Amino acid sequence: QVQLVESGGGSVQPGGSLRLSCAASGRIFSSNTMAWYRQAPGKERELVARITSVGSTYYADSVKGRFTISNDNAKNTLYLQMNSLKPEDTAVYYCKYNTNWWGQGTQVTVSS
């Protein structure tokens, strides 16, 4: 079993920044892949960014240059630094561990 708890969501104006965190606990393996997904109302869930335990990263084109994914293996915590936020970034953001485990999601709203 793996438990994932996201935090850091909220409301921000366009151009603002937020930092999401995802604390993982349970059967965490040293070799893993963690990712952030998001789901906007009426849309499918999409991959935002992904990072492996050795630091290899992937970003969706829509967030490249604005978002940064990182992890602290000692704390089993995943982060997503989101800068230059746009209204289209509004969504529920989910943390994912490997292929099966999801967090409960945290709401991000970008609006003036």
N, C-alpha and C. Protein backbone atom coordinates (compact mmCIF):
# COMPACT_ATOMS: atom_id res chain seq x y z
N GLN A 1 0.84 -1.20 0.00
CA GLN A 1 0.00 0.00 0.00
C GLN A 1 0.88 1.25 0.00
N VAL A 2 0.44 2.23 -0.75
CA VAL A 2 1.12 3.52 -0.80
C VAL A 2 0.08 4.61 -0.56
N GLN A 3 0.41 5.55 0.31
CA GLN A 3 -0.48 6.68 0.56
C GLN A 3 0.19 7.95 0.03
N LEU A 4 -0.59 8.76 -0.66
CA LEU A 4 -0.10 10.01 -1.24
C LEU A 4 -1.00 11.14 -0.79
N VAL A 5 -0.40 12.19 -0.24
CA VAL A 5 -1.17 13.33 0.25
C VAL A 5 -0.62 14.60 -0.39
N GLU A 6 -1.45 15.22 -1.23
CA GLU A 6 -1.06 16.47 -1.89
C GLU A 6 -1.42 17.67 -1.03
N SER A 7 -0.68 18.74 -1.21
CA SER A 7 -0.97 20.01 -0.56
C SER A 7 -0.39 21.14 -1.40
N GLY A 8 -0.80 22.37 -1.07
CA GLY A 8 -0.23 23.53 -1.74
C GLY A 8 -1.10 24.17 -2.79
N GLY A 9 -2.25 23.57 -3.07
CA GLY A 9 -3.14 24.17 -4.05
C GLY A 9 -3.78 25.43 -3.50
N GLY A 10 -4.48 26.15 -4.37
CA GLY A 10 -5.15 27.36 -3.95
C GLY A 10 -5.53 28.21 -5.14
N SER A 11 -5.88 29.46 -4.85
CA SER A 11 -6.26 30.40 -5.89
C SER A 11 -5.17 31.44 -6.07
N VAL A 12 -4.89 31.78 -7.31
CA VAL A 12 -3.83 32.74 -7.62
C VAL A 12 -4.20 33.50 -8.87
N GLN A 13 -3.69 34.70 -9.00
CA GLN A 13 -3.94 35.50 -10.19
C GLN A 13 -3.02 35.05 -11.33
N PRO A 14 -3.41 35.33 -12.56
CA PRO A 14 -2.53 35.00 -13.70
C PRO A 14 -1.16 35.62 -13.51
N GLY A 15 -0.13 34.84 -13.83
CA GLY A 15 1.24 35.29 -13.63
C GLY A 15 1.81 34.92 -12.28
N GLY A 16 0.97 34.43 -11.40
CA GLY A 16 1.42 34.07 -10.06
C GLY A 16 2.07 32.69 -10.01
N SER A 17 2.43 32.30 -8.80
CA SER A 17 3.13 31.03 -8.58
C SER A 17 2.50 30.24 -7.44
N LEU A 18 2.62 28.94 -7.54
CA LEU A 18 2.23 28.03 -6.47
C LEU A 18 3.22 26.87 -6.44
N ARG A 19 3.37 26.27 -5.28
CA ARG A 19 4.21 25.09 -5.15
C ARG A 19 3.37 23.97 -4.54
N LEU A 20 3.22 22.90 -5.30
CA LEU A 20 2.49 21.73 -4.82
C LEU A 20 3.47 20.74 -4.19
N SER A 21 2.98 20.04 -3.17
CA SER A 21 3.77 18.99 -2.53
C SER A 21 2.95 17.71 -2.50
N CYS A 22 3.64 16.58 -2.53
CA CYS A 22 3.00 15.28 -2.43
C CYS A 22 3.85 14.41 -1.52
N ALA A 23 3.32 14.13 -0.34
CA ALA A 23 4.04 13.30 0.62
C ALA A 23 3.63 11.85 0.45
N ALA A 24 4.61 10.99 0.24
CA ALA A 24 4.34 9.57 0.03
C ALA A 24 4.73 8.77 1.26
N SER A 25 3.94 7.77 1.56
CA SER A 25 4.25 6.88 2.68
C SER A 25 3.78 5.47 2.34
N GLY A 26 4.26 4.51 3.12
CA GLY A 26 3.91 3.13 2.86
C GLY A 26 5.06 2.39 2.19
N ARG A 27 4.72 1.52 1.24
CA ARG A 27 5.72 0.70 0.56
C ARG A 27 6.36 1.48 -0.57
N ILE A 28 7.30 2.35 -0.19
CA ILE A 28 8.00 3.17 -1.16
C ILE A 28 9.31 2.49 -1.52
N PHE A 29 9.53 2.30 -2.80
CA PHE A 29 10.76 1.67 -3.27
C PHE A 29 11.74 2.74 -3.75
N SER A 30 13.02 2.44 -3.61
CA SER A 30 14.03 3.42 -3.99
C SER A 30 14.00 3.70 -5.49
N SER A 31 13.63 2.72 -6.28
CA SER A 31 13.50 2.90 -7.72
C SER A 31 12.03 3.11 -8.05
N ASN A 32 11.68 4.31 -8.50
CA ASN A 32 10.28 4.60 -8.76
C ASN A 32 10.14 5.75 -9.74
N THR A 33 8.92 5.94 -10.17
CA THR A 33 8.57 7.09 -11.00
C THR A 33 7.39 7.78 -10.37
N MET A 34 7.49 9.08 -10.22
CA MET A 34 6.38 9.87 -9.69
C MET A 34 6.01 10.94 -10.69
N ALA A 35 4.77 11.33 -10.64
CA ALA A 35 4.29 12.26 -11.65
C ALA A 35 3.18 13.14 -11.10
N TRP A 36 2.96 14.25 -11.78
CA TRP A 36 1.82 15.13 -11.55
C TRP A 36 0.91 15.06 -12.78
N TYR A 37 -0.37 14.87 -12.52
CA TYR A 37 -1.39 14.93 -13.54
C TYR A 37 -2.36 16.05 -13.16
N ARG A 38 -3.18 16.45 -14.11
CA ARG A 38 -4.23 17.41 -13.80
C ARG A 38 -5.47 17.10 -14.62
N GLN A 39 -6.59 17.51 -14.06
CA GLN A 39 -7.86 17.31 -14.74
C GLN A 39 -8.71 18.56 -14.57
N ALA A 40 -8.99 19.18 -15.70
CA ALA A 40 -9.85 20.36 -15.72
C ALA A 40 -11.30 19.91 -15.92
N PRO A 41 -12.27 20.74 -15.51
CA PRO A 41 -13.68 20.36 -15.68
C PRO A 41 -14.01 20.02 -17.13
N GLY A 42 -14.63 18.87 -17.33
CA GLY A 42 -15.04 18.46 -18.65
C GLY A 42 -13.93 17.92 -19.53
N LYS A 43 -12.73 17.79 -18.97
CA LYS A 43 -11.60 17.30 -19.76
C LYS A 43 -11.02 16.04 -19.14
N GLU A 44 -10.26 15.30 -19.94
CA GLU A 44 -9.61 14.10 -19.44
C GLU A 44 -8.39 14.47 -18.59
N ARG A 45 -8.03 13.55 -17.72
CA ARG A 45 -6.83 13.75 -16.92
C ARG A 45 -5.61 13.68 -17.84
N GLU A 46 -4.67 14.61 -17.63
CA GLU A 46 -3.49 14.66 -18.49
C GLU A 46 -2.22 14.72 -17.66
N LEU A 47 -1.15 14.16 -18.24
CA LEU A 47 0.15 14.19 -17.59
C LEU A 47 0.75 15.58 -17.69
N VAL A 48 1.19 16.10 -16.58
CA VAL A 48 1.82 17.41 -16.53
C VAL A 48 3.34 17.28 -16.52
N ALA A 49 3.86 16.45 -15.60
CA ALA A 49 5.31 16.27 -15.48
C ALA A 49 5.57 14.96 -14.77
N ARG A 50 6.76 14.41 -15.04
CA ARG A 50 7.11 13.11 -14.47
C ARG A 50 8.59 13.14 -14.12
N ILE A 51 8.96 12.43 -13.04
CA ILE A 51 10.36 12.35 -12.63
C ILE A 51 10.65 10.95 -12.12
N THR A 52 11.82 10.43 -12.50
CA THR A 52 12.23 9.12 -11.99
C THR A 52 13.12 9.31 -10.77
N SER A 53 13.40 8.22 -10.10
CA SER A 53 14.21 8.29 -8.88
C SER A 53 15.66 8.69 -9.17
N VAL A 54 16.07 8.60 -10.44
CA VAL A 54 17.43 9.03 -10.79
C VAL A 54 17.42 10.43 -11.38
N GLY A 55 16.26 11.08 -11.37
CA GLY A 55 16.18 12.48 -11.75
C GLY A 55 15.84 12.78 -13.19
N SER A 56 15.51 11.79 -13.96
CA SER A 56 15.09 12.01 -15.34
C SER A 56 13.68 12.62 -15.34
N THR A 57 13.51 13.71 -16.11
CA THR A 57 12.23 14.42 -16.09
C THR A 57 11.59 14.49 -17.48
N TYR A 58 10.27 14.68 -17.43
CA TYR A 58 9.49 14.91 -18.64
C TYR A 58 8.45 15.97 -18.32
N TYR A 59 8.19 16.86 -19.30
CA TYR A 59 7.18 17.89 -19.12
C TYR A 59 6.25 17.92 -20.33
N ALA A 60 5.00 18.16 -20.07
CA ALA A 60 4.07 18.42 -21.16
C ALA A 60 4.46 19.74 -21.82
N ASP A 61 4.23 19.83 -23.11
CA ASP A 61 4.61 21.05 -23.84
C ASP A 61 3.95 22.29 -23.24
N SER A 62 2.75 22.13 -22.74
CA SER A 62 1.99 23.27 -22.23
C SER A 62 2.59 23.89 -20.98
N VAL A 63 3.49 23.17 -20.29
CA VAL A 63 4.05 23.69 -19.05
C VAL A 63 5.56 23.86 -19.09
N LYS A 64 6.18 23.46 -20.19
CA LYS A 64 7.64 23.58 -20.30
C LYS A 64 8.09 25.02 -20.10
N GLY A 65 9.11 25.19 -19.29
CA GLY A 65 9.65 26.52 -19.03
C GLY A 65 8.93 27.26 -17.92
N ARG A 66 7.79 26.73 -17.47
CA ARG A 66 7.03 27.39 -16.41
C ARG A 66 6.96 26.54 -15.14
N PHE A 67 6.88 25.23 -15.31
CA PHE A 67 6.75 24.32 -14.17
C PHE A 67 8.06 23.55 -13.99
N THR A 68 8.35 23.23 -12.73
CA THR A 68 9.53 22.41 -12.42
C THR A 68 9.14 21.32 -11.44
N ILE A 69 9.41 20.07 -11.82
CA ILE A 69 9.14 18.94 -10.93
C ILE A 69 10.44 18.55 -10.24
N SER A 70 10.33 18.20 -8.96
CA SER A 70 11.50 17.77 -8.22
C SER A 70 11.06 16.81 -7.12
N ASN A 71 12.02 16.11 -6.56
CA ASN A 71 11.69 15.21 -5.46
C ASN A 71 12.78 15.23 -4.41
N ASP A 72 12.37 14.91 -3.21
CA ASP A 72 13.29 14.77 -2.09
C ASP A 72 13.17 13.32 -1.63
N ASN A 73 14.09 12.49 -2.09
CA ASN A 73 13.99 11.07 -1.79
C ASN A 73 14.08 10.78 -0.29
N ALA A 74 14.84 11.57 0.44
CA ALA A 74 14.97 11.36 1.88
C ALA A 74 13.64 11.58 2.60
N LYS A 75 12.83 12.50 2.05
CA LYS A 75 11.53 12.81 2.66
C LYS A 75 10.37 12.13 1.94
N ASN A 76 10.68 11.38 0.87
CA ASN A 76 9.62 10.76 0.06
C ASN A 76 8.56 11.79 -0.34
N THR A 77 9.02 12.92 -0.79
CA THR A 77 8.12 14.01 -1.15
C THR A 77 8.40 14.50 -2.56
N LEU A 78 7.33 14.69 -3.29
CA LEU A 78 7.37 15.18 -4.66
C LEU A 78 6.88 16.62 -4.68
N TYR A 79 7.48 17.44 -5.53
CA TYR A 79 7.10 18.85 -5.62
C TYR A 79 6.79 19.24 -7.06
N LEU A 80 5.98 20.28 -7.20
CA LEU A 80 5.76 20.89 -8.51
C LEU A 80 5.74 22.40 -8.29
N GLN A 81 6.79 23.06 -8.74
CA GLN A 81 6.85 24.51 -8.69
C GLN A 81 6.21 25.04 -9.96
N MET A 82 5.17 25.83 -9.81
CA MET A 82 4.42 26.35 -10.94
C MET A 82 4.54 27.86 -10.97
N ASN A 83 5.17 28.37 -12.01
CA ASN A 83 5.35 29.81 -12.19
C ASN A 83 4.60 30.29 -13.42
N SER A 84 4.40 31.58 -13.52
CA SER A 84 3.73 32.19 -14.68
C SER A 84 2.41 31.46 -14.98
N LEU A 85 1.63 31.27 -13.95
CA LEU A 85 0.39 30.51 -14.09
C LEU A 85 -0.60 31.24 -15.00
N LYS A 86 -1.34 30.41 -15.74
CA LYS A 86 -2.34 30.92 -16.69
C LYS A 86 -3.72 30.38 -16.30
N PRO A 87 -4.78 31.04 -16.72
CA PRO A 87 -6.12 30.52 -16.42
C PRO A 87 -6.31 29.08 -16.90
N GLU A 88 -5.69 28.72 -17.99
CA GLU A 88 -5.82 27.34 -18.50
C GLU A 88 -5.10 26.30 -17.66
N ASP A 89 -4.35 26.74 -16.66
CA ASP A 89 -3.73 25.79 -15.72
C ASP A 89 -4.71 25.39 -14.62
N THR A 90 -5.87 26.03 -14.58
CA THR A 90 -6.88 25.69 -13.57
C THR A 90 -7.32 24.25 -13.71
N ALA A 91 -7.20 23.49 -12.63
CA ALA A 91 -7.52 22.06 -12.65
C ALA A 91 -7.33 21.49 -11.25
N VAL A 92 -7.75 20.25 -11.09
CA VAL A 92 -7.37 19.49 -9.91
C VAL A 92 -6.07 18.76 -10.26
N TYR A 93 -5.07 18.94 -9.42
CA TYR A 93 -3.76 18.33 -9.66
C TYR A 93 -3.61 17.10 -8.78
N TYR A 94 -3.17 16.00 -9.42
CA TYR A 94 -3.02 14.73 -8.74
C TYR A 94 -1.57 14.26 -8.79
N CYS A 95 -1.15 13.68 -7.71
CA CYS A 95 0.15 13.05 -7.61
C CYS A 95 -0.02 11.56 -7.93
N LYS A 96 0.95 10.98 -8.61
CA LYS A 96 0.90 9.55 -8.94
C LYS A 96 2.23 8.90 -8.64
N TYR A 97 2.17 7.73 -8.03
CA TYR A 97 3.36 6.94 -7.71
C TYR A 97 3.33 5.67 -8.55
N ASN A 98 4.38 5.50 -9.34
CA ASN A 98 4.46 4.35 -10.25
C ASN A 98 3.18 4.24 -11.07
N THR A 99 2.61 3.06 -11.22
CA THR A 99 1.49 2.91 -12.14
C THR A 99 0.14 2.85 -11.46
N ASN A 100 0.10 2.63 -10.16
CA ASN A 100 -1.18 2.29 -9.53
C ASN A 100 -1.69 3.26 -8.48
N TRP A 101 -0.83 4.10 -7.95
CA TRP A 101 -1.22 4.85 -6.77
C TRP A 101 -1.42 6.33 -7.07
N TRP A 102 -2.57 6.84 -6.60
CA TRP A 102 -2.95 8.24 -6.82
C TRP A 102 -3.25 8.93 -5.51
N GLY A 103 -2.96 10.22 -5.46
CA GLY A 103 -3.40 11.03 -4.35
C GLY A 103 -4.83 11.48 -4.55
N GLN A 104 -5.34 12.24 -3.59
CA GLN A 104 -6.75 12.66 -3.63
C GLN A 104 -6.96 13.91 -4.47
N GLY A 105 -5.89 14.59 -4.80
CA GLY A 105 -5.96 15.78 -5.63
C GLY A 105 -6.01 17.07 -4.82
N THR A 106 -5.51 18.13 -5.45
CA THR A 106 -5.55 19.45 -4.84
C THR A 106 -5.94 20.46 -5.93
N GLN A 107 -6.86 21.36 -5.59
CA GLN A 107 -7.41 22.29 -6.57
C GLN A 107 -6.47 23.47 -6.79
N VAL A 108 -6.22 23.78 -8.04
CA VAL A 108 -5.49 24.99 -8.42
C VAL A 108 -6.40 25.82 -9.30
N THR A 109 -6.62 27.07 -8.89
CA THR A 109 -7.48 27.98 -9.65
C THR A 109 -6.69 29.23 -9.99
N VAL A 110 -6.63 29.55 -11.27
CA VAL A 110 -5.92 30.73 -11.74
C VAL A 110 -6.95 31.67 -12.37
N SER A 111 -7.18 32.78 -11.70
CA SER A 111 -8.23 33.68 -12.14
C SER A 111 -7.95 35.08 -11.65
N SER A 112 -8.36 36.07 -12.45
CA SER A 112 -8.22 37.45 -12.01
C SER A 112 -9.50 37.92 -11.35
